[in-house]
């Protein structure tokens, strides 16, 4: 059997996955904008899958001390992140009235249940045990998040990378409990200052991590404003807090030490 474009990418199967639930009261067909809503979120899930794929590769590269591959992977992740942000422009072409026309059909579903996004957050070091409750215990989704909870973060791999290149990395950072939040470390900041002042190779990795941190913050901000623009401060779908909660996630750096040193350079 010859491999075709459609069979390789499983296009027929892919195009069969968009199943609107709404029914227009007059025309007896799905509300027009529900298709856009489904496709945008399915594409996001595909990008989350790719970001996890790249992020796991980045952890391996950093741990192995391969700065060339690490930088290449970070640049790809940043480009994907820009695309993820730009997708919000497409979603914002949907008016609040359009969204409300099918919102009730979403029932208890919520973006809070996106286990791949939670995995991505955990990979980046933003680990919150409360998110495990968004998917039922015993489900494959819950298991995926729980497994990611136990894994070292990107920051842990970065610390190993610097240690492997002979820089002084505090032992408590190298042996830290990877399920705990990433906290500022004054001793590590001193090392980072030395890196910035005299080690351009390692500094380039640092700056790409700052770019990633800033990019994630930009995505969060755009997401919050999109939600506010669409539903204001109403409760989110599935009973989630909506924009009120999302606002609390803004401007919290993933890698605080890389930001703290700025005032000392």
C-alpha atoms as a PDB file:
ATOM      1  CA  UNK A   1       0.000   0.000   0.000  1.00  0.00           C
ATOM      2  CA  UNK A   2       1.421   3.375  -1.043  1.00  0.00           C
ATOM      3  CA  UNK A   3       1.753   6.076   1.567  1.00  0.00           C
ATOM      4  CA  UNK A   4      -0.134   9.195   0.579  1.00  0.00           C
ATOM      5  CA  UNK A   5      -0.341  12.656   2.096  1.00  0.00           C
ATOM      6  CA  UNK A   6      -3.721  11.809   3.575  1.00  0.00           C
ATOM      7  CA  UNK A   7      -2.765   8.379   4.928  1.00  0.00           C
ATOM      8  CA  UNK A   8       0.530   9.557   6.430  1.00  0.00           C
ATOM      9  CA  UNK A   9      -1.095  12.487   8.246  1.00  0.00           C
ATOM     10  CA  UNK A  10      -4.362  10.582   8.808  1.00  0.00           C
ATOM     11  CA  UNK A  11      -6.242  13.538   7.377  1.00  0.00           C
ATOM     12  CA  UNK A  12      -9.652  11.807   7.111  1.00  0.00           C
ATOM     13  CA  UNK A  13      -9.443  10.820  10.780  1.00  0.00           C
ATOM     14  CA  UNK A  14      -8.233  14.291  11.728  1.00  0.00           C
ATOM     15  CA  UNK A  15     -11.075  16.035   9.905  1.00  0.00           C
ATOM     16  CA  UNK A  16     -13.636  13.768  11.536  1.00  0.00           C
ATOM     17  CA  UNK A  17     -12.738  15.012  15.036  1.00  0.00           C
ATOM     18  CA  UNK A  18     -14.622  18.314  14.862  1.00  0.00           C
ATOM     19  CA  UNK A  19     -18.078  17.552  16.236  1.00  0.00           C
ATOM     20  CA  UNK A  20     -20.085  20.637  17.229  1.00  0.00           C
ATOM     21  CA  UNK A  21     -22.783  20.048  19.842  1.00  0.00           C
ATOM     22  CA  UNK A  22     -24.869  23.182  19.455  1.00  0.00           C
ATOM     23  CA  UNK A  23     -28.046  23.495  17.406  1.00  0.00           C
ATOM     24  CA  UNK A  24     -29.225  26.830  16.040  1.00  0.00           C
ATOM     25  CA  UNK A  25     -32.864  27.316  17.109  1.00  0.00           C
ATOM     26  CA  UNK A  26     -33.970  28.448  13.641  1.00  0.00           C
ATOM     27  CA  UNK A  27     -31.643  26.811  11.143  1.00  0.00           C
ATOM     28  CA  UNK A  28     -31.333  23.509  13.023  1.00  0.00           C
ATOM     29  CA  UNK A  29     -27.607  23.328  12.384  1.00  0.00           C
ATOM     30  CA  UNK A  30     -24.608  23.966  14.664  1.00  0.00           C
ATOM     31  CA  UNK A  31     -23.831  27.549  15.614  1.00  0.00           C
ATOM     32  CA  UNK A  32     -21.350  28.896  13.073  1.00  0.00           C
ATOM     33  CA  UNK A  33     -18.497  29.850  15.442  1.00  0.00           C
ATOM     34  CA  UNK A  34     -18.436  26.605  17.367  1.00  0.00           C
ATOM     35  CA  UNK A  35     -16.323  25.054  14.602  1.00  0.00           C
ATOM     36  CA  UNK A  36     -13.683  27.767  15.067  1.00  0.00           C
ATOM     37  CA  UNK A  37     -13.739  27.280  18.827  1.00  0.00           C
ATOM     38  CA  UNK A  38     -13.174  23.522  18.478  1.00  0.00           C
ATOM     39  CA  UNK A  39     -10.421  23.780  15.879  1.00  0.00           C
ATOM     40  CA  UNK A  40      -8.484  26.473  17.764  1.00  0.00           C
ATOM     41  CA  UNK A  41      -8.453  24.398  20.933  1.00  0.00           C
ATOM     42  CA  UNK A  42      -7.573  21.189  19.124  1.00  0.00           C
ATOM     43  CA  UNK A  43      -4.647  22.993  17.491  1.00  0.00           C
ATOM     44  CA  UNK A  44      -3.577  24.223  20.932  1.00  0.00           C
ATOM     45  CA  UNK A  45      -3.512  20.654  22.179  1.00  0.00           C
ATOM     46  CA  UNK A  46      -1.309  19.669  19.244  1.00  0.00           C
ATOM     47  CA  UNK A  47       1.069  22.525  20.062  1.00  0.00           C
ATOM     48  CA  UNK A  48       1.104  21.483  23.728  1.00  0.00           C
ATOM     49  CA  UNK A  49       2.064  17.988  22.585  1.00  0.00           C
ATOM     50  CA  UNK A  50       4.914  19.402  20.510  1.00  0.00           C
ATOM     51  CA  UNK A  51       6.073  21.688  23.335  1.00  0.00           C
ATOM     52  CA  UNK A  52       6.228  18.711  25.692  1.00  0.00           C
ATOM     53  CA  UNK A  53       8.148  16.758  23.046  1.00  0.00           C
ATOM     54  CA  UNK A  54      10.620  19.609  22.599  1.00  0.00           C
ATOM     55  CA  UNK A  55      10.792  20.344  26.333  1.00  0.00           C
ATOM     56  CA  UNK A  56      11.697  16.761  27.188  1.00  0.00           C
ATOM     57  CA  UNK A  57      14.401  16.896  24.525  1.00  0.00           C
ATOM     58  CA  UNK A  58      15.647  20.164  26.011  1.00  0.00           C
ATOM     59  CA  UNK A  59      15.946  18.594  29.451  1.00  0.00           C
ATOM     60  CA  UNK A  60      18.026  15.789  27.950  1.00  0.00           C
ATOM     61  CA  UNK A  61      20.276  18.231  26.054  1.00  0.00           C
ATOM     62  CA  UNK A  62      20.898  20.417  29.090  1.00  0.00           C
ATOM     63  CA  UNK A  63      21.594  17.442  31.334  1.00  0.00           C
ATOM     64  CA  UNK A  64      24.062  16.126  28.746  1.00  0.00           C
ATOM     65  CA  UNK A  65      25.749  19.537  28.464  1.00  0.00           C
ATOM     66  CA  UNK A  66      24.870  19.932  24.770  1.00  0.00           C
ATOM     67  CA  UNK A  67      24.405  23.701  24.563  1.00  0.00           C
ATOM     68  CA  UNK A  68      24.131  23.744  20.763  1.00  0.00           C
ATOM     69  CA  UNK A  69      21.126  21.426  20.728  1.00  0.00           C
ATOM     70  CA  UNK A  70      19.686  23.113  23.812  1.00  0.00           C
ATOM     71  CA  UNK A  71      19.748  26.535  22.137  1.00  0.00           C
ATOM     72  CA  UNK A  72      18.278  25.132  18.939  1.00  0.00           C
ATOM     73  CA  UNK A  73      15.418  23.522  20.860  1.00  0.00           C
ATOM     74  CA  UNK A  74      14.751  26.655  22.903  1.00  0.00           C
ATOM     75  CA  UNK A  75      14.524  28.729  19.727  1.00  0.00           C
ATOM     76  CA  UNK A  76      11.995  26.285  18.290  1.00  0.00           C
ATOM     77  CA  UNK A  77       9.928  26.359  21.487  1.00  0.00           C
ATOM     78  CA  UNK A  78       9.943  30.157  21.373  1.00  0.00           C
ATOM     79  CA  UNK A  79       8.760  30.173  17.760  1.00  0.00           C
ATOM     80  CA  UNK A  80       5.945  27.771  18.612  1.00  0.00           C
ATOM     81  CA  UNK A  81       5.007  29.957  21.564  1.00  0.00           C
ATOM     82  CA  UNK A  82       4.722  32.984  19.270  1.00  0.00           C
ATOM     83  CA  UNK A  83       2.356  30.992  17.073  1.00  0.00           C
ATOM     84  CA  UNK A  84       0.307  30.040  20.131  1.00  0.00           C
ATOM     85  CA  UNK A  85      -0.005  33.705  21.072  1.00  0.00           C
ATOM     86  CA  UNK A  86      -0.995  34.682  17.524  1.00  0.00           C
ATOM     87  CA  UNK A  87      -3.793  32.103  17.531  1.00  0.00           C
ATOM     88  CA  UNK A  88      -5.553  34.241  20.116  1.00  0.00           C
ATOM     89  CA  UNK A  89      -5.972  36.881  17.380  1.00  0.00           C
ATOM     90  CA  UNK A  90      -8.021  34.348  15.437  1.00  0.00           C
ATOM     91  CA  UNK A  91     -10.102  33.395  18.466  1.00  0.00           C
ATOM     92  CA  UNK A  92     -10.805  37.058  19.180  1.00  0.00           C
ATOM     93  CA  UNK A  93     -12.615  37.372  15.851  1.00  0.00           C
ATOM     94  CA  UNK A  94     -15.441  35.543  17.657  1.00  0.00           C
ATOM     95  CA  UNK A  95     -17.732  38.013  19.403  1.00  0.00           C
ATOM     96  CA  UNK A  96     -19.143  37.506  22.917  1.00  0.00           C
ATOM     97  CA  UNK A  97     -22.609  36.987  21.378  1.00  0.00           C
ATOM     98  CA  UNK A  98     -21.247  34.275  19.086  1.00  0.00           C
ATOM     99  CA  UNK A  99     -19.603  32.458  21.972  1.00  0.00           C
ATOM    100  CA  UNK A 100     -22.726  32.680  24.123  1.00  0.00           C
ATOM    101  CA  UNK A 101     -24.713  31.082  21.323  1.00  0.00           C
ATOM    102  CA  UNK A 102     -23.052  27.719  22.018  1.00  0.00           C
ATOM    103  CA  UNK A 103     -21.420  28.157  25.431  1.00  0.00           C
ATOM    104  CA  UNK A 104     -24.129  26.228  27.301  1.00  0.00           C
ATOM    105  CA  UNK A 105     -23.373  23.132  25.196  1.00  0.00           C
ATOM    106  CA  UNK A 106     -19.866  22.972  26.665  1.00  0.00           C
ATOM    107  CA  UNK A 107     -21.497  21.771  29.887  1.00  0.00           C
ATOM    108  CA  UNK A 108     -18.862  20.875  32.499  1.00  0.00           C
ATOM    109  CA  UNK A 109     -15.893  20.982  30.124  1.00  0.00           C
ATOM    110  CA  UNK A 110     -13.219  23.548  30.901  1.00  0.00           C
ATOM    111  CA  UNK A 111      -9.749  24.536  29.794  1.00  0.00           C
ATOM    112  CA  UNK A 112      -8.715  23.781  33.378  1.00  0.00           C
ATOM    113  CA  UNK A 113      -8.977  20.109  32.358  1.00  0.00           C
ATOM    114  CA  UNK A 114      -6.265  20.385  29.703  1.00  0.00           C
ATOM    115  CA  UNK A 115      -3.799  17.912  31.156  1.00  0.00           C
ATOM    116  CA  UNK A 116      -1.182  18.663  28.491  1.00  0.00           C
ATOM    117  CA  UNK A 117      -1.110  22.318  29.481  1.00  0.00           C
ATOM    118  CA  UNK A 118      -0.702  21.255  33.123  1.00  0.00           C
ATOM    119  CA  UNK A 119       2.157  18.995  32.062  1.00  0.00           C
ATOM    120  CA  UNK A 120       3.722  21.926  30.224  1.00  0.00           C
ATOM    121  CA  UNK A 121       3.409  24.083  33.336  1.00  0.00           C
ATOM    122  CA  UNK A 122       5.006  21.337  35.440  1.00  0.00           C
ATOM    123  CA  UNK A 123       7.858  20.961  32.943  1.00  0.00           C
ATOM    124  CA  UNK A 124       8.492  24.706  33.267  1.00  0.00           C
ATOM    125  CA  UNK A 125       8.523  24.411  37.067  1.00  0.00           C
ATOM    126  CA  UNK A 126       5.093  25.848  37.853  1.00  0.00           C
ATOM    127  CA  UNK A 127       3.847  22.919  39.944  1.00  0.00           C
ATOM    128  CA  UNK A 128       0.585  23.276  41.836  1.00  0.00           C
ATOM    129  CA  UNK A 129      -0.853  20.087  43.379  1.00  0.00           C
ATOM    130  CA  UNK A 130      -4.383  21.493  43.223  1.00  0.00           C
ATOM    131  CA  UNK A 131      -4.518  21.110  39.446  1.00  0.00           C
ATOM    132  CA  UNK A 132      -4.483  17.336  39.858  1.00  0.00           C
ATOM    133  CA  UNK A 133      -8.089  17.602  41.024  1.00  0.00           C
ATOM    134  CA  UNK A 134      -9.266  18.922  37.644  1.00  0.00           C
ATOM    135  CA  UNK A 135      -9.134  15.401  36.218  1.00  0.00           C
ATOM    136  CA  UNK A 136     -10.580  12.381  38.086  1.00  0.00           C
ATOM    137  CA  UNK A 137      -8.220  10.075  39.974  1.00  0.00           C
ATOM    138  CA  UNK A 138      -7.663   6.871  38.043  1.00  0.00           C
ATOM    139  CA  UNK A 139      -8.022   8.566  34.645  1.00  0.00           C
ATOM    140  CA  UNK A 140      -5.195   8.541  32.113  1.00  0.00           C
ATOM    141  CA  UNK A 141      -5.207  12.352  32.210  1.00  0.00           C
ATOM    142  CA  UNK A 142      -4.668  12.412  35.970  1.00  0.00           C
ATOM    143  CA  UNK A 143      -1.914   9.804  35.630  1.00  0.00           C
ATOM    144  CA  UNK A 144      -0.092  11.895  33.015  1.00  0.00           C
ATOM    145  CA  UNK A 145      -0.086  14.986  35.242  1.00  0.00           C
ATOM    146  CA  UNK A 146       0.943  12.941  38.293  1.00  0.00           C
ATOM    147  CA  UNK A 147       3.865  11.421  36.397  1.00  0.00           C
ATOM    148  CA  UNK A 148       5.042  14.862  35.303  1.00  0.00           C
ATOM    149  CA  UNK A 149       4.780  16.043  38.929  1.00  0.00           C
ATOM    150  CA  UNK A 150       7.612  13.688  39.877  1.00  0.00           C
ATOM    151  CA  UNK A 151       9.947  14.648  37.047  1.00  0.00           C
ATOM    152  CA  UNK A 152      12.745  17.253  37.213  1.00  0.00           C
ATOM    153  CA  UNK A 153      11.850  20.616  35.726  1.00  0.00           C
ATOM    154  CA  UNK A 154      13.591  22.619  33.042  1.00  0.00           C
ATOM    155  CA  UNK A 155      15.201  24.684  35.798  1.00  0.00           C
ATOM    156  CA  UNK A 156      16.662  21.546  37.400  1.00  0.00           C
ATOM    157  CA  UNK A 157      18.166  20.536  34.061  1.00  0.00           C
ATOM    158  CA  UNK A 158      19.595  24.043  33.654  1.00  0.00           C
ATOM    159  CA  UNK A 159      21.255  23.813  37.076  1.00  0.00           C
ATOM    160  CA  UNK A 160      22.800  20.485  36.034  1.00  0.00           C
ATOM    161  CA  UNK A 161      23.973  22.089  32.802  1.00  0.00           C
ATOM    162  CA  UNK A 162      25.851  24.869  34.608  1.00  0.00           C
ATOM    163  CA  UNK A 163      27.305  22.447  37.155  1.00  0.00           C
ATOM    164  CA  UNK A 164      28.521  20.243  34.327  1.00  0.00           C
ATOM    165  CA  UNK A 165      30.357  23.201  32.818  1.00  0.00           C
ATOM    166  CA  UNK A 166      32.215  23.821  36.063  1.00  0.00           C
ATOM    167  CA  UNK A 167      30.128  26.589  37.591  1.00  0.00           C
ATOM    168  CA  UNK A 168      29.364  26.718  41.294  1.00  0.00           C
ATOM    169  CA  UNK A 169      25.802  25.500  41.732  1.00  0.00           C
ATOM    170  CA  UNK A 170      24.556  25.209  45.335  1.00  0.00           C
ATOM    171  CA  UNK A 171      24.154  21.590  46.392  1.00  0.00           C
ATOM    172  CA  UNK A 172      20.678  22.280  47.721  1.00  0.00           C
ATOM    173  CA  UNK A 173      19.646  23.326  44.226  1.00  0.00           C
ATOM    174  CA  UNK A 174      21.085  20.211  42.605  1.00  0.00           C
ATOM    175  CA  UNK A 175      19.370  17.984  45.177  1.00  0.00           C
ATOM    176  CA  UNK A 176      16.156  19.925  45.642  1.00  0.00           C
ATOM    177  CA  UNK A 177      12.699  18.382  45.815  1.00  0.00           C
ATOM    178  CA  UNK A 178      11.546  18.802  42.205  1.00  0.00           C
ATOM    179  CA  UNK A 179       7.884  18.897  43.264  1.00  0.00           C
ATOM    180  CA  UNK A 180       8.412  22.157  45.135  1.00  0.00           C
ATOM    181  CA  UNK A 181       8.146  25.667  43.655  1.00  0.00           C
ATOM    182  CA  UNK A 182      11.279  27.227  42.198  1.00  0.00           C
ATOM    183  CA  UNK A 183      12.529  29.740  44.743  1.00  0.00           C
ATOM    184  CA  UNK A 184      15.183  32.440  44.522  1.00  0.00           C
ATOM    185  CA  UNK A 185      18.657  31.364  45.613  1.00  0.00           C
ATOM    186  CA  UNK A 186      21.136  34.123  46.471  1.00  0.00           C
ATOM    187  CA  UNK A 187      24.200  31.918  46.018  1.00  0.00           C
ATOM    188  CA  UNK A 188      23.033  30.772  42.613  1.00  0.00           C
ATOM    189  CA  UNK A 189      22.421  34.373  41.623  1.00  0.00           C
ATOM    190  CA  UNK A 190      26.080  35.109  42.322  1.00  0.00           C
ATOM    191  CA  UNK A 191      27.015  32.286  39.959  1.00  0.00           C
ATOM    192  CA  UNK A 192      24.651  33.610  37.312  1.00  0.00           C
ATOM    193  CA  UNK A 193      26.252  37.040  37.571  1.00  0.00           C
ATOM    194  CA  UNK A 194      29.649  35.456  36.851  1.00  0.00           C
ATOM    195  CA  UNK A 195      28.131  33.578  33.920  1.00  0.00           C
ATOM    196  CA  UNK A 196      26.698  36.768  32.444  1.00  0.00           C
ATOM    197  CA  UNK A 197      29.934  38.691  32.862  1.00  0.00           C
ATOM    198  CA  UNK A 198      32.369  36.166  31.454  1.00  0.00           C
ATOM    199  CA  UNK A 199      30.785  33.107  29.828  1.00  0.00           C
ATOM    200  CA  UNK A 200      28.927  33.977  26.602  1.00  0.00           C
ATOM    201  CA  UNK A 201      28.004  30.380  25.750  1.00  0.00           C
ATOM    202  CA  UNK A 202      26.178  29.786  29.012  1.00  0.00           C
ATOM    203  CA  UNK A 203      24.815  33.339  28.928  1.00  0.00           C
ATOM    204  CA  UNK A 204      23.119  32.608  25.597  1.00  0.00           C
ATOM    205  CA  UNK A 205      21.237  29.721  27.219  1.00  0.00           C
ATOM    206  CA  UNK A 206      20.243  31.994  30.102  1.00  0.00           C
ATOM    207  CA  UNK A 207      18.857  34.626  27.757  1.00  0.00           C
ATOM    208  CA  UNK A 208      16.839  32.085  25.800  1.00  0.00           C
ATOM    209  CA  UNK A 209      15.336  30.886  29.081  1.00  0.00           C
ATOM    210  CA  UNK A 210      14.403  34.484  29.876  1.00  0.00           C
ATOM    211  CA  UNK A 211      12.806  34.717  26.428  1.00  0.00           C
ATOM    212  CA  UNK A 212      10.817  31.565  27.173  1.00  0.00           C
ATOM    213  CA  UNK A 213       9.740  32.896  30.555  1.00  0.00           C
ATOM    214  CA  UNK A 214       8.649  36.198  29.024  1.00  0.00           C
ATOM    215  CA  UNK A 215       6.861  34.415  26.193  1.00  0.00           C
ATOM    216  CA  UNK A 216       4.820  32.284  28.572  1.00  0.00           C
ATOM    217  CA  UNK A 217       3.883  35.411  30.523  1.00  0.00           C
ATOM    218  CA  UNK A 218       2.805  37.079  27.281  1.00  0.00           C
ATOM    219  CA  UNK A 219       0.634  34.062  26.395  1.00  0.00           C
ATOM    220  CA  UNK A 220      -0.990  34.188  29.831  1.00  0.00           C
ATOM    221  CA  UNK A 221      -1.713  37.896  29.491  1.00  0.00           C
ATOM    222  CA  UNK A 222      -3.247  37.531  26.036  1.00  0.00           C
ATOM    223  CA  UNK A 223      -5.301  34.582  27.257  1.00  0.00           C
ATOM    224  CA  UNK A 224      -6.651  36.567  30.215  1.00  0.00           C
ATOM    225  CA  UNK A 225      -7.612  39.523  28.020  1.00  0.00           C
ATOM    226  CA  UNK A 226      -9.287  37.209  25.521  1.00  0.00           C
ATOM    227  CA  UNK A 227     -11.378  35.661  28.304  1.00  0.00           C
ATOM    228  CA  UNK A 228     -12.288  39.100  29.695  1.00  0.00           C
ATOM    229  CA  UNK A 229     -13.181  40.271  26.206  1.00  0.00           C
ATOM    230  CA  UNK A 230     -15.425  37.260  25.630  1.00  0.00           C
ATOM    231  CA  UNK A 231     -17.191  36.681  28.971  1.00  0.00           C
ATOM    232  CA  UNK A 232     -16.018  39.531  31.216  1.00  0.00           C
ATOM    233  CA  UNK A 233     -15.759  38.326  34.807  1.00  0.00           C
ATOM    234  CA  UNK A 234     -18.452  35.671  34.579  1.00  0.00           C
ATOM    235  CA  UNK A 235     -17.726  32.231  35.968  1.00  0.00           C
ATOM    236  CA  UNK A 236     -15.841  30.087  33.469  1.00  0.00           C
ATOM    237  CA  UNK A 237     -17.173  26.972  31.793  1.00  0.00           C
ATOM    238  CA  UNK A 238     -17.320  23.916  34.017  1.00  0.00           C
ATOM    239  CA  UNK A 239     -17.612  26.163  37.070  1.00  0.00           C
ATOM    240  CA  UNK A 240     -14.043  27.464  36.780  1.00  0.00           C
ATOM    241  CA  UNK A 241     -13.301  30.938  38.242  1.00  0.00           C
ATOM    242  CA  UNK A 242     -12.653  32.356  34.778  1.00  0.00           C
ATOM    243  CA  UNK A 243     -10.748  35.613  34.323  1.00  0.00           C
ATOM    244  CA  UNK A 244     -10.604  36.325  38.054  1.00  0.00           C
ATOM    245  CA  UNK A 245      -8.367  33.286  38.585  1.00  0.00           C
ATOM    246  CA  UNK A 246      -6.400  33.747  35.381  1.00  0.00           C
ATOM    247  CA  UNK A 247      -5.403  37.236  36.510  1.00  0.00           C
ATOM    248  CA  UNK A 248      -3.650  35.747  39.547  1.00  0.00           C
ATOM    249  CA  UNK A 249      -1.291  33.843  37.230  1.00  0.00           C
ATOM    250  CA  UNK A 250       0.056  36.981  35.566  1.00  0.00           C
ATOM    251  CA  UNK A 251       3.573  38.361  36.005  1.00  0.00           C
ATOM    252  CA  UNK A 252       4.852  35.443  38.104  1.00  0.00           C
ATOM    253  CA  UNK A 253       8.284  34.533  36.676  1.00  0.00           C
ATOM    254  CA  UNK A 254       9.123  30.908  36.062  1.00  0.00           C
ATOM    255  CA  UNK A 255      12.848  31.438  36.640  1.00  0.00           C
ATOM    256  CA  UNK A 256      13.065  34.144  39.332  1.00  0.00           C
ATOM    257  CA  UNK A 257      16.860  34.094  39.690  1.00  0.00           C
ATOM    258  CA  UNK A 258      17.317  35.084  36.043  1.00  0.00           C
ATOM    259  CA  UNK A 259      15.169  38.161  36.654  1.00  0.00           C
ATOM    260  CA  UNK A 260      16.565  39.031  40.089  1.00  0.00           C
ATOM    261  CA  UNK A 261      20.123  39.475  38.803  1.00  0.00           C
ATOM    262  CA  UNK A 262      19.104  42.227  36.352  1.00  0.00           C
ATOM    263  CA  UNK A 263      19.416  44.966  38.929  1.00  0.00           C
ATOM    264  CA  UNK A 264      22.938  43.831  39.832  1.00  0.00           C
ATOM    265  CA  UNK A 265      24.457  43.591  36.371  1.00  0.00           C
END
